[in-house]
Amino acid sequence: MKFGDKEGKGYIYSNVGMEWTNYVIPLSDSVDLQVIISGVDVADGTDGGNVFKSLKFTVNQGEKK
């Protein structure tokens, strides 16, 4: 799944009787964002998918010394 210009890799697993979708999105060379979802269909064209695709993330690199 794409997040802006970033490509996230996802997988599905079961835990505590629920199915979970886990996405890992590299935001920079040293920072990854992990998004875990359960109970919401995030396939293309669904309400959950539209919300998921609308998320925006930025990395604050902080003050350089």
N, C-alpha and C. Protein backbone atom coordinates (compact mmCIF):
# COMPACT_ATOMS: atom_id res chain seq x y z
N MET A 1 0.85 -1.17 0.00
CA MET A 1 0.00 0.00 0.00
C MET A 1 0.89 1.24 0.00
N LYS A 2 0.51 2.24 -0.76
CA LYS A 2 1.29 3.48 -0.83
C LYS A 2 0.79 4.50 0.19
N PHE A 3 1.72 5.23 0.77
CA PHE A 3 1.44 6.33 1.70
C PHE A 3 2.15 7.55 1.12
N GLY A 4 1.41 8.36 0.38
CA GLY A 4 2.05 9.46 -0.33
C GLY A 4 3.02 8.87 -1.33
N ASP A 5 4.30 9.24 -1.21
CA ASP A 5 5.31 8.68 -2.10
C ASP A 5 6.04 7.49 -1.48
N LYS A 6 5.60 7.04 -0.32
CA LYS A 6 6.24 5.92 0.38
C LYS A 6 5.43 4.65 0.18
N GLU A 7 6.12 3.54 -0.05
CA GLU A 7 5.48 2.26 -0.22
C GLU A 7 5.57 1.47 1.08
N GLY A 8 4.42 1.08 1.62
CA GLY A 8 4.39 0.30 2.85
C GLY A 8 4.23 -1.18 2.55
N LYS A 9 4.85 -2.00 3.37
CA LYS A 9 4.71 -3.45 3.23
C LYS A 9 3.84 -3.95 4.37
N GLY A 10 2.90 -4.80 4.05
CA GLY A 10 1.97 -5.26 5.07
C GLY A 10 1.88 -6.76 5.15
N TYR A 11 1.39 -7.22 6.28
CA TYR A 11 1.09 -8.63 6.46
C TYR A 11 -0.06 -8.76 7.44
N ILE A 12 -0.72 -9.91 7.41
CA ILE A 12 -1.87 -10.18 8.27
C ILE A 12 -1.51 -11.31 9.23
N TYR A 13 -1.94 -11.16 10.48
CA TYR A 13 -1.71 -12.21 11.48
C TYR A 13 -2.89 -12.26 12.44
N SER A 14 -3.01 -13.35 13.18
CA SER A 14 -4.07 -13.51 14.17
C SER A 14 -3.49 -13.44 15.56
N ASN A 15 -4.21 -12.74 16.46
CA ASN A 15 -3.79 -12.62 17.85
C ASN A 15 -5.05 -12.34 18.68
N VAL A 16 -5.17 -12.94 19.82
CA VAL A 16 -6.31 -12.81 20.74
C VAL A 16 -7.65 -12.94 20.03
N GLY A 17 -7.71 -13.90 19.10
CA GLY A 17 -8.96 -14.19 18.42
C GLY A 17 -9.37 -13.18 17.36
N MET A 18 -8.47 -12.25 17.00
CA MET A 18 -8.78 -11.24 15.98
C MET A 18 -7.73 -11.28 14.87
N GLU A 19 -8.14 -10.87 13.68
CA GLU A 19 -7.21 -10.76 12.57
C GLU A 19 -6.69 -9.33 12.50
N TRP A 20 -5.38 -9.18 12.42
CA TRP A 20 -4.73 -7.86 12.42
C TRP A 20 -3.97 -7.67 11.13
N THR A 21 -3.97 -6.44 10.62
CA THR A 21 -3.15 -6.06 9.48
C THR A 21 -2.08 -5.11 9.98
N ASN A 22 -0.84 -5.42 9.68
CA ASN A 22 0.31 -4.64 10.13
C ASN A 22 1.03 -4.08 8.90
N TYR A 23 1.20 -2.77 8.84
CA TYR A 23 1.96 -2.13 7.77
C TYR A 23 3.19 -1.47 8.36
N VAL A 24 4.31 -1.59 7.65
CA VAL A 24 5.55 -0.91 8.03
C VAL A 24 5.92 0.01 6.87
N ILE A 25 6.07 1.30 7.18
CA ILE A 25 6.33 2.31 6.16
C ILE A 25 7.64 3.00 6.48
N PRO A 26 8.64 2.92 5.59
CA PRO A 26 9.89 3.64 5.83
C PRO A 26 9.70 5.13 5.56
N LEU A 27 9.90 5.96 6.58
CA LEU A 27 9.77 7.41 6.42
C LEU A 27 11.10 8.06 6.07
N SER A 28 12.18 7.45 6.52
CA SER A 28 13.53 7.93 6.20
C SER A 28 14.47 6.73 6.31
N ASP A 29 15.77 6.98 6.15
CA ASP A 29 16.74 5.88 6.25
C ASP A 29 16.78 5.28 7.65
N SER A 30 16.40 6.05 8.67
CA SER A 30 16.52 5.57 10.05
C SER A 30 15.18 5.50 10.80
N VAL A 31 14.07 5.85 10.13
CA VAL A 31 12.78 5.88 10.82
C VAL A 31 11.74 5.10 10.01
N ASP A 32 11.07 4.15 10.68
CA ASP A 32 9.94 3.43 10.10
C ASP A 32 8.70 3.73 10.93
N LEU A 33 7.56 3.78 10.27
CA LEU A 33 6.28 3.93 10.95
C LEU A 33 5.55 2.60 10.85
N GLN A 34 5.00 2.14 11.96
CA GLN A 34 4.24 0.91 11.97
C GLN A 34 2.79 1.24 12.28
N VAL A 35 1.88 0.75 11.43
CA VAL A 35 0.44 0.96 11.61
C VAL A 35 -0.20 -0.41 11.73
N ILE A 36 -0.94 -0.63 12.83
CA ILE A 36 -1.62 -1.90 13.06
C ILE A 36 -3.12 -1.64 13.11
N ILE A 37 -3.88 -2.41 12.32
CA ILE A 37 -5.31 -2.19 12.18
C ILE A 37 -6.04 -3.52 12.38
N SER A 38 -7.18 -3.47 13.05
CA SER A 38 -8.03 -4.65 13.17
C SER A 38 -9.49 -4.22 13.07
N GLY A 39 -10.29 -5.03 12.42
CA GLY A 39 -11.73 -4.78 12.35
C GLY A 39 -12.14 -3.76 11.31
N VAL A 40 -11.21 -3.33 10.45
CA VAL A 40 -11.52 -2.34 9.42
C VAL A 40 -10.96 -2.84 8.09
N ASP A 41 -11.80 -2.86 7.07
CA ASP A 41 -11.35 -3.24 5.73
C ASP A 41 -10.62 -2.05 5.12
N VAL A 42 -9.34 -2.22 4.78
CA VAL A 42 -8.56 -1.12 4.21
C VAL A 42 -8.23 -1.37 2.73
N ALA A 43 -9.03 -2.25 2.08
CA ALA A 43 -8.83 -2.51 0.66
C ALA A 43 -9.15 -1.25 -0.15
N ASP A 44 -8.53 -1.14 -1.33
CA ASP A 44 -8.80 -0.01 -2.21
C ASP A 44 -10.29 0.12 -2.47
N GLY A 45 -10.79 1.36 -2.39
CA GLY A 45 -12.19 1.64 -2.68
C GLY A 45 -13.13 1.54 -1.48
N THR A 46 -12.64 1.03 -0.34
CA THR A 46 -13.48 0.96 0.86
C THR A 46 -13.31 2.24 1.67
N ASP A 47 -14.25 2.50 2.58
CA ASP A 47 -14.12 3.68 3.44
C ASP A 47 -12.82 3.62 4.24
N GLY A 48 -12.51 2.45 4.82
CA GLY A 48 -11.27 2.30 5.58
C GLY A 48 -10.04 2.53 4.72
N GLY A 49 -10.07 2.03 3.50
CA GLY A 49 -8.94 2.23 2.58
C GLY A 49 -8.76 3.69 2.21
N ASN A 50 -9.86 4.40 2.01
CA ASN A 50 -9.78 5.83 1.69
C ASN A 50 -9.20 6.64 2.85
N VAL A 51 -9.63 6.31 4.07
CA VAL A 51 -9.08 6.99 5.25
C VAL A 51 -7.59 6.66 5.39
N PHE A 52 -7.25 5.39 5.24
CA PHE A 52 -5.87 4.94 5.37
C PHE A 52 -4.97 5.66 4.36
N LYS A 53 -5.43 5.77 3.11
CA LYS A 53 -4.63 6.43 2.08
C LYS A 53 -4.53 7.94 2.28
N SER A 54 -5.45 8.53 3.05
CA SER A 54 -5.42 9.98 3.25
C SER A 54 -4.45 10.39 4.36
N LEU A 55 -3.92 9.42 5.12
CA LEU A 55 -2.99 9.75 6.20
C LEU A 55 -1.71 10.36 5.64
N LYS A 56 -1.20 11.36 6.32
CA LYS A 56 0.05 12.02 5.92
C LYS A 56 1.03 11.97 7.09
N PHE A 57 2.28 11.68 6.81
CA PHE A 57 3.30 11.58 7.84
C PHE A 57 4.52 12.39 7.44
N THR A 58 5.13 13.03 8.41
CA THR A 58 6.39 13.73 8.17
C THR A 58 7.37 13.34 9.28
N VAL A 59 8.64 13.45 8.97
CA VAL A 59 9.68 13.14 9.94
C VAL A 59 10.35 14.44 10.32
N ASN A 60 10.33 14.74 11.63
CA ASN A 60 11.02 15.91 12.13
C ASN A 60 12.45 15.49 12.46
N GLN A 61 13.40 15.99 11.71
CA GLN A 61 14.80 15.60 11.89
C GLN A 61 15.45 16.33 13.06
N GLY A 62 14.75 17.30 13.62
CA GLY A 62 15.31 18.03 14.76
C GLY A 62 16.34 19.06 14.31
N GLU A 63 16.89 19.75 15.28
CA GLU A 63 17.89 20.77 15.00
C GLU A 63 19.24 20.13 14.76
N LYS A 64 19.89 20.50 13.67
CA LYS A 64 21.22 19.98 13.36
C LYS A 64 22.27 20.82 14.05
N LYS A 65 23.24 20.15 14.62
CA LYS A 65 24.32 20.85 15.33
C LYS A 65 25.59 20.84 14.54
